[in-house]
C-alpha atoms as a PDB file:
ATOM      1  CA  MET A   1     -12.362 -26.511 -12.331  1.00  0.00           C
ATOM      2  CA  GLU A   2      -9.239 -25.991 -10.226  1.00  0.00           C
ATOM      3  CA  TYR A   3      -9.688 -22.225 -10.359  1.00  0.00           C
ATOM      4  CA  TRP A   4     -13.236 -22.494  -9.026  1.00  0.00           C
ATOM      5  CA  LEU A   5     -12.081 -24.661  -6.146  1.00  0.00           C
ATOM      6  CA  LEU A   6      -9.373 -22.142  -5.366  1.00  0.00           C
ATOM      7  CA  ILE A   7     -11.848 -19.251  -5.462  1.00  0.00           C
ATOM      8  CA  LEU A   8     -14.337 -21.136  -3.284  1.00  0.00           C
ATOM      9  CA  GLY A   9     -11.601 -22.047  -0.810  1.00  0.00           C
ATOM     10  CA  MET A  10     -10.412 -18.454  -0.547  1.00  0.00           C
ATOM     11  CA  THR A  11     -14.010 -17.278  -0.135  1.00  0.00           C
ATOM     12  CA  ALA A  12     -14.605 -19.783   2.653  1.00  0.00           C
ATOM     13  CA  MET A  13     -11.404 -18.830   4.459  1.00  0.00           C
ATOM     14  CA  THR A  14     -12.154 -15.112   4.210  1.00  0.00           C
ATOM     15  CA  PHE A  15     -15.698 -15.629   5.450  1.00  0.00           C
ATOM     16  CA  LEU A  16     -14.624 -17.839   8.353  1.00  0.00           C
ATOM     17  CA  MET A  17     -11.894 -15.435   9.448  1.00  0.00           C
ATOM     18  CA  ARG A  18     -14.285 -12.494   9.488  1.00  0.00           C
ATOM     19  CA  TYR A  19     -17.247 -14.417  10.877  1.00  0.00           C
ATOM     20  CA  SER A  20     -15.222 -15.775  13.780  1.00  0.00           C
ATOM     21  CA  LEU A  21     -15.006 -12.298  15.300  1.00  0.00           C
ATOM     22  CA  PHE A  22     -18.818 -12.075  15.250  1.00  0.00           C
ATOM     23  CA  ALA A  23     -19.386 -15.666  16.361  1.00  0.00           C
ATOM     24  CA  TRP A  24     -17.263 -15.223  19.494  1.00  0.00           C
ATOM     25  CA  PRO A  25     -17.687 -11.578  20.532  1.00  0.00           C
ATOM     26  CA  SER A  26     -16.053 -12.205  23.906  1.00  0.00           C
ATOM     27  CA  LEU A  27     -12.816 -13.301  22.217  1.00  0.00           C
ATOM     28  CA  ARG A  28      -9.961 -11.093  23.420  1.00  0.00           C
ATOM     29  CA  PHE A  29      -6.439 -11.068  22.058  1.00  0.00           C
ATOM     30  CA  PRO A  30      -3.402 -10.953  24.323  1.00  0.00           C
ATOM     31  CA  PRO A  31      -1.711  -7.533  24.582  1.00  0.00           C
ATOM     32  CA  VAL A  32       1.249  -8.680  22.478  1.00  0.00           C
ATOM     33  CA  VAL A  33      -1.059  -9.684  19.598  1.00  0.00           C
ATOM     34  CA  ARG A  34      -3.016  -6.427  19.835  1.00  0.00           C
ATOM     35  CA  GLN A  35       0.222  -4.452  19.770  1.00  0.00           C
ATOM     36  CA  GLY A  36       1.424  -6.400  16.742  1.00  0.00           C
ATOM     37  CA  LEU A  37      -1.857  -5.809  14.898  1.00  0.00           C
ATOM     38  CA  HIS A  38      -1.199  -2.062  14.982  1.00  0.00           C
ATOM     39  CA  TYR A  39       1.665  -2.602  12.515  1.00  0.00           C
ATOM     40  CA  VAL A  40      -0.345  -4.616   9.975  1.00  0.00           C
ATOM     41  CA  PRO A  41      -1.702  -1.675   7.898  1.00  0.00           C
ATOM     42  CA  THR A  42       1.749  -0.106   7.625  1.00  0.00           C
ATOM     43  CA  ALA A  43       3.346  -3.399   6.627  1.00  0.00           C
ATOM     44  CA  VAL A  44       0.680  -4.186   4.020  1.00  0.00           C
ATOM     45  CA  LEU A  45       0.781  -0.705   2.493  1.00  0.00           C
ATOM     46  CA  THR A  46       4.571  -0.810   2.362  1.00  0.00           C
ATOM     47  CA  ALA A  47       4.496  -4.208   0.635  1.00  0.00           C
ATOM     48  CA  ILE A  48       2.126  -2.815  -1.993  1.00  0.00           C
ATOM     49  CA  VAL A  49       3.738   0.582  -2.634  1.00  0.00           C
ATOM     50  CA  VAL A  50       7.512   0.043  -2.428  1.00  0.00           C
ATOM     51  CA  PRO A  51       7.811  -2.397  -5.360  1.00  0.00           C
ATOM     52  CA  GLY A  52       5.961   0.106  -7.540  1.00  0.00           C
ATOM     53  CA  MET A  53       8.372   2.844  -6.522  1.00  0.00           C
ATOM     54  CA  LEU A  54      11.562   0.849  -7.018  1.00  0.00           C
ATOM     55  CA  LEU A  55      10.499  -1.318  -9.974  1.00  0.00           C
ATOM     56  CA  PRO A  56       8.128   0.860 -12.025  1.00  0.00           C
ATOM     57  CA  ASP A  57       8.362  -1.380 -15.088  1.00  0.00           C
ATOM     58  CA  GLY A  58       8.078  -4.517 -12.969  1.00  0.00           C
ATOM     59  CA  GLU A  59      11.444  -5.922 -13.993  1.00  0.00           C
ATOM     60  CA  HIS A  60      14.347  -3.514 -13.490  1.00  0.00           C
ATOM     61  CA  TRP A  61      15.467  -1.455 -10.519  1.00  0.00           C
ATOM     62  CA  ALA A  62      15.040   2.268 -11.161  1.00  0.00           C
ATOM     63  CA  LEU A  63      17.142   4.057  -8.558  1.00  0.00           C
ATOM     64  CA  SER A  64      17.711   7.228 -10.538  1.00  0.00           C
ATOM     65  CA  LEU A  65      16.570  10.824 -10.627  1.00  0.00           C
ATOM     66  CA  ASP A  66      14.341  10.199 -13.652  1.00  0.00           C
ATOM     67  CA  ASN A  67      12.111   7.795 -11.715  1.00  0.00           C
ATOM     68  CA  ALA A  68       9.024   9.904 -10.964  1.00  0.00           C
ATOM     69  CA  TYR A  69       7.489   7.077  -8.931  1.00  0.00           C
ATOM     70  CA  LEU A  70      10.417   6.997  -6.521  1.00  0.00           C
ATOM     71  CA  LEU A  71      10.732  10.770  -6.201  1.00  0.00           C
ATOM     72  CA  ALA A  72       6.992  11.248  -5.687  1.00  0.00           C
ATOM     73  CA  GLY A  73       6.987   8.438  -3.120  1.00  0.00           C
ATOM     74  CA  LEU A  74       9.764  10.128  -1.194  1.00  0.00           C
ATOM     75  CA  ALA A  75       7.838  13.400  -1.410  1.00  0.00           C
ATOM     76  CA  CYS A  76       4.770  11.629  -0.008  1.00  0.00           C
ATOM     77  CA  ILE A  77       6.799  10.333   2.897  1.00  0.00           C
ATOM     78  CA  ALA A  78       8.042  13.857   3.610  1.00  0.00           C
ATOM     79  CA  ILE A  79       4.555  15.381   3.327  1.00  0.00           C
ATOM     80  CA  ALA A  80       3.095  12.711   5.614  1.00  0.00           C
ATOM     81  CA  ALA A  81       5.843  13.215   8.182  1.00  0.00           C
ATOM     82  CA  LEU A  82       5.425  16.991   8.180  1.00  0.00           C
ATOM     83  CA  THR A  83       1.630  17.326   8.023  1.00  0.00           C
ATOM     84  CA  ARG A  84       0.245  14.056   9.421  1.00  0.00           C
ATOM     85  CA  HIS A  85      -2.742  14.750   7.155  1.00  0.00           C
ATOM     86  CA  LEU A  86      -3.960  12.008   4.817  1.00  0.00           C
ATOM     87  CA  LEU A  87      -5.614  14.256   2.231  1.00  0.00           C
ATOM     88  CA  ALA A  88      -2.574  16.554   2.081  1.00  0.00           C
ATOM     89  CA  THR A  89      -0.335  13.524   1.587  1.00  0.00           C
ATOM     90  CA  ILE A  90      -2.456  12.106  -1.236  1.00  0.00           C
ATOM     91  CA  GLY A  91      -2.998  15.460  -2.959  1.00  0.00           C
ATOM     92  CA  GLY A  92       0.597  16.578  -2.559  1.00  0.00           C
ATOM     93  CA  GLY A  93       1.917  13.226  -3.753  1.00  0.00           C
ATOM     94  CA  LEU A  94      -0.267  13.275  -6.859  1.00  0.00           C
ATOM     95  CA  LEU A  95       0.711  16.860  -7.598  1.00  0.00           C
ATOM     96  CA  VAL A  96       4.418  16.078  -7.232  1.00  0.00           C
ATOM     97  CA  PHE A  97       4.054  12.904  -9.306  1.00  0.00           C
ATOM     98  CA  PHE A  98       2.329  14.581 -12.239  1.00  0.00           C
ATOM     99  CA  LEU A  99       4.637  17.604 -12.122  1.00  0.00           C
ATOM    100  CA  LEU A 100       7.646  15.288 -12.212  1.00  0.00           C
ATOM    101  CA  ARG A 101       6.186  13.279 -15.086  1.00  0.00           C
ATOM    102  CA  TRP A 102       5.529  16.516 -16.972  1.00  0.00           C
ATOM    103  CA  MET A 103       9.008  17.902 -16.282  1.00  0.00           C
ATOM    104  CA  LEU A 104      10.676  14.613 -17.305  1.00  0.00           C
ATOM    105  CA  GLY A 105       8.586  14.377 -20.486  1.00  0.00           C
ATOM    106  CA  GLN A 106       6.945  11.123 -19.430  1.00  0.00           C
ATOM    107  CA  LEU A 107       3.289  12.140 -19.725  1.00  0.00           C
ATOM    108  CA  PRO A 108       1.556  10.307 -22.583  1.00  0.00           C
ATOM    109  CA  LEU A 109      -0.250  13.217 -24.264  1.00  0.00           C
END
């Protein structure tokens, strides 16, 4: 029963947070808050991706040249910085990742 209460509570909070923007359409944020909100997607994506790059097994740091996740992540950063193109970054990162996994003998075939 506790799980259902938790799920219902999270559902209610998510709904209220999103509905509040529709309920009060004239609500305007101060410039400092609006400026800070521009950094939210970058911060969230970083929090999701970096642990996977540095801890691919979920337990141990893998700061070595046989870590395809880390090397492909660094390649993605370079591709994004050079091209500023989302599809090129995703495609190039996947290509680099699978090539590295193949070269390091880590593909489960």
